[in-house]
């Protein structure tokens, strides 16, 4: 820990408040006659990233790396800034063990929020020691000459630090009992993959906004366990549109960061290859419990075909309809907190290609069914929808023919197995749709075949594939093609 702090300090060097005084972010007070500049400072909350960056450097002497190296990564600075400004109520940080600087970054974040926003901050670690480590970093920064120590109302070395503005920073033990109580504006969770999911869920109920400070939660961790808390949180992030900020040691190494190449090479010699791949190089944890092989998921979703978020109500049409093409469409309906997913595949090509995708929230049945009708009209062909428990409701609104499928028992398992086998054979490709890729990659065997929650995009994909391969699919497609050809001939004759 001391080495990490020293590396950061060596990178940024000593900082002063002069630039911020000129900008009006830090304002000298008239009431005190200080011995140092930090004793008489009022701090105006920054409004821009540049102001925040300058403030963090001035107060704590920390410059956060802001250079993206890996294509699918962000930078530590972007993660920090988005959390501080609460651009999303929940954000997930996924970074390399040790080399990502997650604990250090959470400490800077919580400390800055407590001083600048007068926010109550709870720090929850995967263990009590982890939370205490964050708090210890904060204690070190209070010792800087530039730190506003006049704001302290208690000893910053304790597990709870109180400020004269009436707010606090509290390090919590990783237990369900510790997360009950007051409602801070900011919750900072460190190494959640070491945390019991029930504790994390209980903690999510803590944050509440106050005044001009909105509630915000950061869930930070290295991804170590294929069936652990981080895996579940990443699934929720995909389903609920929580931003996932991911970075590795390449974003924190010199010259733009604090980590030396020698330290990286040394660590490679100290840990196993599997640990290096999953915990440092950010590859997926051991996939024994995954329903779909990660390599097959990576091969299915191809960034070069397109890159989409798959946000709610974002209609993605990757390919326009073509005469003579063959399409199949699968629909999984929203129930309670689920999503309605409509997926269309073009299947007269090898491999089959995803050509259209839409994700809808829980809306009225007429609205959701109308979207499916529109898709079936735009991409004529076989279709299948999950009629489990809703068959009569959907049938009452459908204007196109879509095969109702009861996803129960052996038939359900067989349908899902056929789809997964097609993915693993490379029979289906798709542009990168982030929410869909994440659900496919993280789906566990229990999610698909057991008591877990079947991901909505997996269900819709399986239904689309079933429309191609299920009973009557070929006959239905043949009849539709004949009808379409007859109508086209009539149109030409007229």
Protein backbone atom coordinates (compact mmCIF):
# COMPACT_ATOMS: atom_id res chain seq x y z
CA UNK A 1 0.00 0.00 0.00
CA UNK A 2 2.80 2.45 0.93
CA UNK A 3 4.50 1.66 -2.39
CA UNK A 4 1.33 2.47 -4.28
CA UNK A 5 0.89 5.80 -2.52
CA UNK A 6 4.57 6.64 -3.03
CA UNK A 7 4.33 5.82 -6.72
CA UNK A 8 1.40 8.19 -7.12
CA UNK A 9 3.17 10.93 -5.17
CA UNK A 10 6.32 10.49 -7.24
CA UNK A 11 4.25 10.85 -10.39
CA UNK A 12 2.44 14.06 -9.45
CA UNK A 13 4.99 15.78 -7.22
CA UNK A 14 4.06 18.58 -4.84
CA UNK A 15 0.96 20.62 -5.67
CA UNK A 16 -0.17 24.11 -4.67
CA UNK A 17 -3.51 25.89 -4.52
CA UNK A 18 -2.44 29.01 -6.37
CA UNK A 19 -4.01 28.09 -9.70
CA UNK A 20 -7.32 27.22 -8.09
CA UNK A 21 -7.30 30.43 -6.06
CA UNK A 22 -7.00 32.34 -9.32
CA UNK A 23 -9.89 30.35 -10.82
CA UNK A 24 -12.13 30.97 -7.83
CA UNK A 25 -12.57 27.27 -7.04
CA UNK A 26 -10.76 27.70 -3.72
CA UNK A 27 -11.52 31.03 -2.02
CA UNK A 28 -9.55 32.53 0.84
CA UNK A 29 -11.66 33.18 3.94
CA UNK A 30 -11.56 36.34 6.04
CA UNK A 31 -12.43 34.85 9.42
CA UNK A 32 -9.19 32.98 10.08
CA UNK A 33 -5.57 33.95 10.20
CA UNK A 34 -3.91 30.72 9.07
CA UNK A 35 -0.40 29.40 9.34
CA UNK A 36 -0.81 27.55 6.03
CA UNK A 37 -2.96 28.10 2.97
CA UNK A 38 -5.14 25.07 3.77
CA UNK A 39 -6.35 26.60 7.05
CA UNK A 40 -8.51 29.24 5.43
CA UNK A 41 -10.09 27.71 2.39
CA UNK A 42 -13.66 27.56 1.24
CA UNK A 43 -14.10 25.11 -1.60
CA UNK A 44 -16.64 25.67 -4.35
CA UNK A 45 -17.81 22.41 -5.94
CA UNK A 46 -16.30 22.03 -9.42
CA UNK A 47 -18.63 22.17 -12.40
CA UNK A 48 -16.44 20.62 -15.07
CA UNK A 49 -13.98 17.76 -15.42
CA UNK A 50 -11.12 20.22 -15.75
CA UNK A 51 -12.06 21.99 -12.52
CA UNK A 52 -12.36 18.64 -10.72
CA UNK A 53 -9.01 17.48 -12.04
CA UNK A 54 -7.32 20.69 -10.87
CA UNK A 55 -9.00 20.51 -7.46
CA UNK A 56 -7.92 16.91 -6.80
CA UNK A 57 -4.36 17.75 -7.79
CA UNK A 58 -4.29 20.84 -5.60
CA UNK A 59 -5.80 19.33 -2.45
CA UNK A 60 -4.31 15.85 -2.46
CA UNK A 61 -1.47 15.99 -4.98
CA UNK A 62 -3.02 13.26 -7.11
CA UNK A 63 -3.14 13.18 -10.89
CA UNK A 64 -5.39 10.36 -12.08
CA UNK A 65 -4.36 8.56 -15.32
CA UNK A 66 -6.51 9.51 -18.30
CA UNK A 67 -5.11 7.64 -21.32
CA UNK A 68 -7.06 4.75 -22.83
CA UNK A 69 -4.91 1.94 -24.24
CA UNK A 70 -7.17 -1.10 -24.70
CA UNK A 71 -10.04 -0.71 -27.22
CA UNK A 72 -12.86 -1.76 -24.87
CA UNK A 73 -11.50 -0.02 -21.78
CA UNK A 74 -12.02 3.42 -20.29
CA UNK A 75 -9.63 5.41 -18.10
CA UNK A 76 -9.48 5.62 -14.29
CA UNK A 77 -10.15 9.34 -14.60
CA UNK A 78 -13.40 8.78 -16.50
CA UNK A 79 -14.57 6.35 -13.83
CA UNK A 80 -13.67 8.84 -11.09
CA UNK A 81 -15.31 11.83 -12.76
CA UNK A 82 -18.54 10.00 -13.63
CA UNK A 83 -18.91 8.86 -10.02
CA UNK A 84 -18.15 12.27 -8.52
CA UNK A 85 -20.69 14.02 -10.74
CA UNK A 86 -23.18 11.14 -10.24
CA UNK A 87 -23.77 10.77 -13.97
CA UNK A 88 -25.41 7.44 -13.18
CA UNK A 89 -26.88 6.34 -9.84
CA UNK A 90 -24.79 3.13 -9.90
CA UNK A 91 -21.49 2.52 -11.67
CA UNK A 92 -19.31 -0.58 -11.76
CA UNK A 93 -15.51 -0.46 -11.76
CA UNK A 94 -13.71 -3.55 -13.06
CA UNK A 95 -9.93 -3.32 -12.94
CA UNK A 96 -6.73 -5.29 -12.47
CA UNK A 97 -5.81 -6.52 -9.01
CA UNK A 98 -3.29 -4.20 -7.39
CA UNK A 99 -2.28 -2.56 -10.67
CA UNK A 100 -5.66 -0.92 -11.28
CA UNK A 101 -5.42 1.34 -8.22
CA UNK A 102 -9.11 0.81 -7.37
CA UNK A 103 -8.76 1.15 -3.61
CA UNK A 104 -6.59 4.23 -3.94
CA UNK A 105 -9.04 5.78 -6.40
CA UNK A 106 -12.04 5.09 -4.16
CA UNK A 107 -10.22 6.76 -1.29
CA UNK A 108 -9.52 9.90 -3.34
CA UNK A 109 -13.13 9.90 -4.50
CA UNK A 110 -14.70 9.53 -1.06
CA UNK A 111 -12.37 12.08 0.50
CA UNK A 112 -13.04 14.64 -2.24
CA UNK A 113 -16.79 14.15 -1.98
CA UNK A 114 -16.77 14.60 1.78
CA UNK A 115 -14.71 17.81 1.62
CA UNK A 116 -16.09 19.39 -1.56
CA UNK A 117 -19.74 18.26 -1.53
CA UNK A 118 -20.16 17.88 2.25
CA UNK A 119 -21.48 14.41 1.43
CA UNK A 120 -21.85 11.56 3.88
CA UNK A 121 -19.73 8.71 2.54
CA UNK A 122 -19.87 5.03 3.49
CA UNK A 123 -16.93 2.83 2.45
CA UNK A 124 -17.83 -0.86 2.35
CA UNK A 125 -15.11 -3.40 1.71
CA UNK A 126 -15.17 -7.07 0.85
CA UNK A 127 -13.81 -7.31 4.37
CA UNK A 128 -13.42 -4.91 7.27
CA UNK A 129 -9.71 -4.73 6.49
CA UNK A 130 -10.43 -3.69 2.91
CA UNK A 131 -12.65 -0.82 4.04
CA UNK A 132 -10.04 0.19 6.62
CA UNK A 133 -7.40 0.31 3.87
CA UNK A 134 -9.46 2.87 1.97
CA UNK A 135 -9.82 4.90 5.15
CA UNK A 136 -6.07 4.68 5.82
CA UNK A 137 -5.32 6.23 2.44
CA UNK A 138 -7.66 9.08 3.37
CA UNK A 139 -5.81 9.57 6.65
CA UNK A 140 -2.51 9.92 4.78
CA UNK A 141 -3.88 12.69 2.58
CA UNK A 142 -5.13 14.65 5.57
CA UNK A 143 -1.46 15.00 6.47
CA UNK A 144 -0.62 16.95 3.33
CA UNK A 145 0.17 20.65 3.67
CA UNK A 146 -2.51 21.46 1.11
CA UNK A 147 -5.24 19.45 2.88
CA UNK A 148 -8.07 21.56 4.41
CA UNK A 149 -7.47 20.29 7.96
CA UNK A 150 -9.54 23.12 9.41
CA UNK A 151 -12.58 21.17 8.20
CA UNK A 152 -11.86 18.21 10.50
CA UNK A 153 -14.11 17.75 13.52
CA UNK A 154 -12.60 14.41 14.62
CA UNK A 155 -9.46 12.31 14.38
CA UNK A 156 -9.12 11.20 10.71
CA UNK A 157 -7.30 8.01 11.75
CA UNK A 158 -10.48 6.51 13.22
CA UNK A 159 -12.96 4.37 11.25
CA UNK A 160 -15.31 7.35 11.23
CA UNK A 161 -14.11 10.83 10.33
CA UNK A 162 -16.43 13.76 11.00
CA UNK A 163 -16.14 17.18 9.38
CA UNK A 164 -17.23 20.58 10.65
CA UNK A 165 -19.75 20.73 7.85
CA UNK A 166 -21.68 18.01 9.74
CA UNK A 167 -20.97 15.12 7.38
CA UNK A 168 -18.89 11.99 7.87
CA UNK A 169 -16.80 9.32 6.16
CA UNK A 170 -17.35 5.87 7.66
CA UNK A 171 -15.52 2.58 7.02
CA UNK A 172 -17.95 -0.34 7.37
CA UNK A 173 -17.34 -3.98 8.16
CA UNK A 174 -18.47 -6.38 5.44
CA UNK A 175 -21.55 -7.65 7.28
CA UNK A 176 -25.31 -7.27 6.89
CA UNK A 177 -25.51 -5.65 10.33
CA UNK A 178 -22.99 -2.94 9.43
CA UNK A 179 -24.91 -1.79 6.37
CA UNK A 180 -28.07 -1.00 8.30
CA UNK A 181 -28.44 2.52 9.60
CA UNK A 182 -28.01 6.07 8.29
CA UNK A 183 -28.40 6.89 4.62
CA UNK A 184 -25.27 8.49 3.08
CA UNK A 185 -25.28 10.24 -0.25
CA UNK A 186 -22.33 8.20 -1.49
CA UNK A 187 -21.62 4.45 -1.12
CA UNK A 188 -18.16 3.23 -2.18
CA UNK A 189 -17.87 -0.58 -2.31
CA UNK A 190 -14.40 -2.06 -2.72
CA UNK A 191 -13.60 -5.62 -3.88
CA UNK A 192 -17.22 -6.72 -4.07
CA UNK A 193 -16.20 -10.12 -5.46
CA UNK A 194 -15.01 -10.88 -1.91
CA UNK A 195 -18.34 -9.67 -0.51
CA UNK A 196 -21.41 -11.74 0.18
CA UNK A 197 -24.13 -10.84 -2.33
CA UNK A 198 -26.69 -10.43 0.45
CA UNK A 199 -24.47 -7.82 2.11
CA UNK A 200 -24.06 -5.95 -1.17
CA UNK A 201 -27.80 -6.01 -1.80
CA UNK A 202 -28.50 -4.70 1.70
CA UNK A 203 -25.96 -1.91 1.19
CA UNK A 204 -27.63 -0.78 -2.03
CA UNK A 205 -30.55 0.42 0.06
CA UNK A 206 -28.34 2.90 1.94
CA UNK A 207 -27.68 5.84 -0.43
CA UNK A 208 -30.17 8.71 -0.43
CA UNK A 209 -29.70 12.14 -1.98
CA UNK A 210 -29.66 15.27 0.13
CA UNK A 211 -29.97 18.82 -1.11
CA UNK A 212 -27.86 19.26 -4.22
CA UNK A 213 -25.94 16.01 -3.66
CA UNK A 214 -27.56 13.07 -5.49
CA UNK A 215 -27.15 9.50 -4.29
CA UNK A 216 -24.46 7.50 -6.08
CA UNK A 217 -22.93 4.03 -5.64
CA UNK A 218 -19.68 2.61 -6.97
CA UNK A 219 -19.26 -1.19 -7.03
CA UNK A 220 -15.56 -1.83 -7.59
CA UNK A 221 -13.66 -5.10 -7.90
CA UNK A 222 -11.33 -7.37 -9.73
CA UNK A 223 -13.37 -10.13 -11.40
CA UNK A 224 -12.07 -13.32 -9.80
CA UNK A 225 -14.91 -15.80 -9.49
CA UNK A 226 -17.07 -17.04 -12.37
CA UNK A 227 -20.06 -17.45 -10.05
CA UNK A 228 -19.30 -14.71 -7.51
CA UNK A 229 -20.82 -11.37 -6.59
CA UNK A 230 -19.03 -9.47 -9.36
CA UNK A 231 -20.52 -11.77 -11.99
CA UNK A 232 -24.01 -11.09 -10.66
CA UNK A 233 -23.37 -7.35 -10.53
CA UNK A 234 -22.14 -7.35 -14.14
CA UNK A 235 -25.34 -9.14 -15.17
CA UNK A 236 -27.39 -6.48 -13.41
CA UNK A 237 -25.32 -3.75 -15.03
CA UNK A 238 -26.22 -5.10 -18.47
CA UNK A 239 -29.90 -5.41 -17.56
CA UNK A 240 -30.25 -2.06 -15.78
CA UNK A 241 -27.89 0.10 -17.86
CA UNK A 242 -25.37 0.66 -15.11
CA UNK A 243 -22.14 1.90 -16.73
CA UNK A 244 -19.20 -0.50 -16.41
CA UNK A 245 -15.82 1.25 -16.32
CA UNK A 246 -13.13 -1.28 -17.12
CA UNK A 247 -9.37 -0.76 -17.18
CA UNK A 248 -6.20 -2.76 -16.67
CA UNK A 249 -2.55 -2.11 -15.87
CA UNK A 250 -2.00 -0.71 -19.37
CA UNK A 251 -4.11 2.31 -18.44
CA UNK A 252 -2.11 2.90 -15.22
CA UNK A 253 1.47 2.20 -16.36
CA UNK A 254 4.14 4.76 -17.16
CA UNK A 255 4.43 7.24 -18.78
CA UNK A 256 0.77 8.27 -18.40
CA UNK A 257 0.34 6.46 -15.08
CA UNK A 258 2.26 5.44 -12.00
CA UNK A 259 3.04 1.76 -12.63
CA UNK A 260 6.49 0.72 -13.88
CA UNK A 261 7.15 -1.95 -16.48
CA UNK A 262 9.58 -3.61 -14.05
CA UNK A 263 6.81 -4.01 -11.46
CA UNK A 264 4.54 -5.63 -14.06
CA UNK A 265 7.21 -8.13 -15.15
CA UNK A 266 8.02 -8.93 -11.52
CA UNK A 267 4.39 -9.70 -10.72
CA UNK A 268 4.10 -12.02 -13.74
CA UNK A 269 6.83 -14.17 -12.21
CA UNK A 270 5.10 -14.28 -8.82
CA UNK A 271 1.60 -15.45 -9.75
CA UNK A 272 0.16 -18.38 -11.69
CA UNK A 273 -0.71 -18.03 -15.35
CA UNK A 274 -4.44 -18.44 -14.68
CA UNK A 275 -4.35 -15.79 -11.94
CA UNK A 276 -2.45 -13.40 -14.22
CA UNK A 277 -4.97 -13.85 -17.03
CA UNK A 278 -8.09 -13.35 -14.91
CA UNK A 279 -6.98 -10.91 -12.20
CA UNK A 280 -4.38 -8.79 -14.00
CA UNK A 281 -4.95 -9.16 -17.74
CA UNK A 282 -8.74 -8.91 -17.28
CA UNK A 283 -9.66 -12.17 -18.98
CA UNK A 284 -12.76 -14.04 -17.84
CA UNK A 285 -12.55 -16.15 -14.67
CA UNK A 286 -12.55 -19.94 -14.98
CA UNK A 287 -15.59 -20.77 -17.15
CA UNK A 288 -16.59 -24.13 -15.64
CA UNK A 289 -19.94 -22.72 -14.48
CA UNK A 290 -20.66 -20.75 -17.67
CA UNK A 291 -23.49 -21.98 -19.88
CA UNK A 292 -21.79 -20.79 -23.09
CA UNK A 293 -18.06 -21.05 -23.71
CA UNK A 294 -16.56 -17.52 -23.45
CA UNK A 295 -14.52 -18.03 -26.63
CA UNK A 296 -17.72 -18.83 -28.54
CA UNK A 297 -19.41 -15.69 -27.22
CA UNK A 298 -16.40 -13.62 -28.26
CA UNK A 299 -16.56 -15.14 -31.75
CA UNK A 300 -20.31 -14.50 -32.05
CA UNK A 301 -20.26 -10.79 -31.23
CA UNK A 302 -18.04 -9.01 -33.73
CA UNK A 303 -17.13 -5.41 -33.19
CA UNK A 304 -16.22 -4.99 -36.86
CA UNK A 305 -19.86 -5.65 -37.78
CA UNK A 306 -21.05 -2.79 -35.58
CA UNK A 307 -20.93 -1.56 -32.00
CA UNK A 308 -24.18 -0.81 -30.14
CA UNK A 309 -25.17 -0.29 -26.52
CA UNK A 310 -28.54 -2.03 -26.76
CA UNK A 311 -30.14 0.58 -24.50
CA UNK A 312 -33.87 0.49 -23.76
CA UNK A 313 -35.97 1.57 -26.74
CA UNK A 314 -32.87 1.65 -28.96
CA UNK A 315 -34.03 -0.05 -32.15
CA UNK A 316 -31.02 -1.55 -33.88
CA UNK A 317 -31.40 -2.39 -37.56
CA UNK A 318 -28.06 -3.73 -38.65
CA UNK A 319 -29.25 -4.86 -42.10
CA UNK A 320 -32.27 -3.67 -44.06
CA UNK A 321 -34.65 -6.33 -45.38
CA UNK A 322 -33.76 -7.92 -48.74
CA UNK A 323 -36.12 -9.62 -51.19
CA UNK A 324 -35.63 -13.36 -51.20
CA UNK A 325 -33.84 -13.42 -47.83
CA UNK A 326 -35.09 -15.73 -45.08
CA UNK A 327 -35.67 -14.34 -41.59
CA UNK A 328 -36.66 -15.74 -38.20
CA UNK A 329 -37.70 -13.68 -35.18
CA UNK A 330 -37.75 -14.58 -31.50
CA UNK A 331 -39.44 -12.62 -28.68
CA UNK A 332 -39.10 -12.90 -24.93
CA UNK A 333 -41.73 -10.83 -23.08
CA UNK A 334 -41.11 -8.54 -20.11
CA UNK A 335 -42.52 -9.74 -16.83
CA UNK A 336 -42.20 -7.54 -13.74
CA UNK A 337 -38.56 -6.32 -13.93
CA UNK A 338 -37.51 -8.18 -17.09
CA UNK A 339 -37.11 -6.77 -20.58
CA UNK A 340 -38.98 -7.52 -23.78
CA UNK A 341 -36.36 -8.58 -26.33
CA UNK A 342 -37.10 -8.95 -30.06
CA UNK A 343 -34.32 -10.54 -32.12
CA UNK A 344 -34.36 -11.16 -35.87
CA UNK A 345 -31.84 -13.41 -37.63
CA UNK A 346 -31.16 -13.80 -41.31
CA UNK A 347 -30.80 -17.54 -41.81
CA UNK A 348 -30.26 -18.05 -45.55
CA UNK A 349 -26.59 -17.21 -44.98
CA UNK A 350 -23.84 -19.16 -43.24
CA UNK A 351 -23.39 -18.25 -40.50
CA UNK A 352 -26.79 -16.80 -39.68
CA UNK A 353 -26.64 -13.07 -38.93
CA UNK A 354 -28.47 -10.93 -36.41
CA UNK A 355 -30.06 -8.15 -38.44
CA UNK A 356 -32.42 -6.40 -35.97
CA UNK A 357 -32.65 -6.05 -32.19
CA UNK A 358 -34.80 -4.13 -29.75
CA UNK A 359 -35.04 -4.03 -25.96
CA UNK A 360 -38.19 -2.65 -24.35
CA UNK A 361 -39.06 -2.08 -20.72
CA UNK A 362 -42.26 -3.34 -19.11
CA UNK A 363 -44.85 -1.50 -21.19
CA UNK A 364 -48.50 -2.16 -21.99
CA UNK A 365 -49.23 -5.39 -23.84
CA UNK A 366 -50.69 -3.59 -26.89
CA UNK A 367 -47.50 -1.51 -27.17
CA UNK A 368 -45.12 -4.46 -26.86
CA UNK A 369 -47.09 -6.73 -29.19
CA UNK A 370 -47.35 -3.92 -31.76
CA UNK A 371 -43.54 -3.75 -31.88
CA UNK A 372 -43.40 -7.46 -32.66
CA UNK A 373 -46.07 -7.09 -35.36
CA UNK A 374 -44.04 -4.28 -36.95
CA UNK A 375 -40.92 -6.46 -36.94
CA UNK A 376 -42.71 -9.43 -38.50
CA UNK A 377 -44.08 -7.22 -41.26
CA UNK A 378 -40.69 -5.67 -41.94
CA UNK A 379 -38.85 -9.03 -41.85
CA UNK A 380 -41.41 -11.65 -43.00
CA UNK A 381 -40.66 -15.19 -41.94
CA UNK A 382 -41.10 -17.65 -39.11
CA UNK A 383 -41.42 -16.31 -35.58
CA UNK A 384 -41.67 -17.67 -32.05
CA UNK A 385 -42.54 -16.02 -28.75
CA UNK A 386 -42.55 -17.16 -25.14
CA UNK A 387 -46.21 -17.90 -24.43
CA UNK A 388 -45.60 -19.25 -20.94
CA UNK A 389 -48.40 -17.83 -18.82
CA UNK A 390 -49.26 -15.08 -21.33
CA UNK A 391 -50.38 -16.97 -24.43
CA UNK A 392 -53.99 -15.81 -24.41
CA UNK A 393 -53.04 -12.21 -23.65
CA UNK A 394 -50.58 -11.97 -26.53
CA UNK A 395 -52.81 -13.88 -28.95
CA UNK A 396 -55.53 -11.30 -28.39
CA UNK A 397 -53.33 -8.50 -29.75
CA UNK A 398 -51.15 -10.21 -32.39
CA UNK A 399 -51.98 -9.34 -35.99
CA UNK A 400 -49.25 -11.51 -37.51
CA UNK A 401 -48.63 -15.21 -37.09
CA UNK A 402 -46.00 -15.94 -34.46
CA UNK A 403 -45.67 -19.44 -33.07
CA UNK A 404 -46.43 -19.57 -29.29
CA UNK A 405 -43.86 -21.61 -27.37
CA UNK A 406 -44.30 -22.88 -23.82
CA UNK A 407 -40.85 -22.69 -22.24
CA UNK A 408 -41.25 -25.45 -19.68
CA UNK A 409 -39.67 -28.77 -18.85
CA UNK A 410 -37.70 -30.85 -21.29
CA UNK A 411 -38.77 -28.85 -24.35
CA UNK A 412 -37.36 -25.66 -22.79
CA UNK A 413 -34.04 -27.33 -21.97
CA UNK A 414 -33.76 -28.83 -25.47
CA UNK A 415 -34.51 -25.49 -27.14
CA UNK A 416 -31.87 -23.69 -25.09
CA UNK A 417 -29.34 -26.46 -25.71
CA UNK A 418 -29.88 -26.25 -29.47
CA UNK A 419 -29.30 -22.50 -29.41
CA UNK A 420 -26.18 -22.71 -27.27
CA UNK A 421 -24.81 -25.48 -29.49
CA UNK A 422 -25.39 -23.24 -32.53
CA UNK A 423 -23.49 -20.40 -30.85
CA UNK A 424 -20.60 -22.68 -29.92
CA UNK A 425 -20.46 -24.11 -33.47
CA UNK A 426 -20.18 -20.58 -34.83
CA UNK A 427 -23.52 -20.81 -36.63
CA UNK A 428 -24.64 -17.32 -35.52
CA UNK A 429 -22.84 -13.99 -35.69
CA UNK A 430 -23.91 -10.56 -34.51
CA UNK A 431 -22.62 -7.04 -34.26
CA UNK A 432 -21.44 -6.20 -30.76
CA UNK A 433 -24.57 -5.36 -28.79
CA UNK A 434 -23.21 -4.79 -25.32
CA UNK A 435 -26.20 -5.79 -23.22
CA UNK A 436 -26.69 -8.98 -25.25
CA UNK A 437 -23.01 -9.89 -25.28
CA UNK A 438 -22.76 -9.45 -21.52
CA UNK A 439 -25.79 -11.62 -20.81
CA UNK A 440 -24.51 -14.39 -23.09
CA UNK A 441 -21.01 -14.25 -21.64
CA UNK A 442 -22.08 -14.24 -17.99
CA UNK A 443 -25.00 -16.69 -18.15
CA UNK A 444 -24.36 -19.57 -15.78
CA UNK A 445 -25.50 -23.16 -16.09
CA UNK A 446 -27.86 -22.49 -13.19
CA UNK A 447 -29.31 -19.45 -15.01
CA UNK A 448 -30.08 -21.50 -18.09
CA UNK A 449 -30.98 -24.90 -16.71
CA UNK A 450 -31.49 -24.43 -12.99
CA UNK A 451 -33.15 -22.04 -10.56
CA UNK A 452 -31.34 -18.90 -11.73
CA UNK A 453 -32.78 -16.21 -14.00
CA UNK A 454 -32.63 -17.00 -17.71
CA UNK A 455 -31.17 -13.90 -19.41
CA UNK A 456 -33.74 -12.23 -21.64
CA UNK A 457 -31.48 -12.01 -24.70
CA UNK A 458 -30.56 -15.71 -24.43
CA UNK A 459 -34.26 -16.59 -24.29
CA UNK A 460 -35.07 -14.41 -27.32
CA UNK A 461 -32.12 -15.78 -29.29
CA UNK A 462 -33.17 -19.35 -28.49
CA UNK A 463 -36.73 -18.60 -29.59
CA UNK A 464 -35.49 -17.16 -32.89
CA UNK A 465 -33.35 -20.25 -33.51
CA UNK A 466 -36.30 -22.44 -32.54
CA UNK A 467 -38.38 -20.65 -35.18
CA UNK A 468 -35.83 -21.89 -37.70
CA UNK A 469 -35.39 -25.44 -36.41
CA UNK A 470 -38.57 -26.17 -34.43
CA UNK A 471 -41.54 -28.29 -35.51
CA UNK A 472 -43.25 -26.94 -38.59
CA UNK A 473 -40.68 -24.22 -39.19
CA UNK A 474 -39.73 -25.38 -42.69
CA UNK A 475 -43.34 -25.88 -43.74
CA UNK A 476 -44.33 -22.45 -42.42
CA UNK A 477 -41.43 -20.77 -44.19
CA UNK A 478 -42.32 -22.58 -47.43
CA UNK A 479 -45.97 -21.51 -47.22
CA UNK A 480 -45.03 -17.89 -46.51
CA UNK A 481 -42.59 -17.78 -49.40
CA UNK A 482 -45.31 -19.13 -51.72
CA UNK A 483 -47.82 -16.56 -50.47
CA UNK A 484 -45.28 -13.75 -50.93
CA UNK A 485 -44.46 -14.96 -54.45
CA UNK A 486 -48.17 -15.14 -55.37
CA UNK A 487 -48.84 -11.62 -54.09
CA UNK A 488 -45.80 -10.31 -55.97
CA UNK A 489 -47.04 -11.93 -59.19
CA UNK A 490 -50.48 -10.38 -58.74
CA UNK A 491 -48.92 -6.97 -58.23
CA UNK A 492 -46.93 -7.26 -61.46
CA UNK A 493 -50.03 -8.38 -63.39
CA UNK A 494 -51.98 -5.39 -62.17
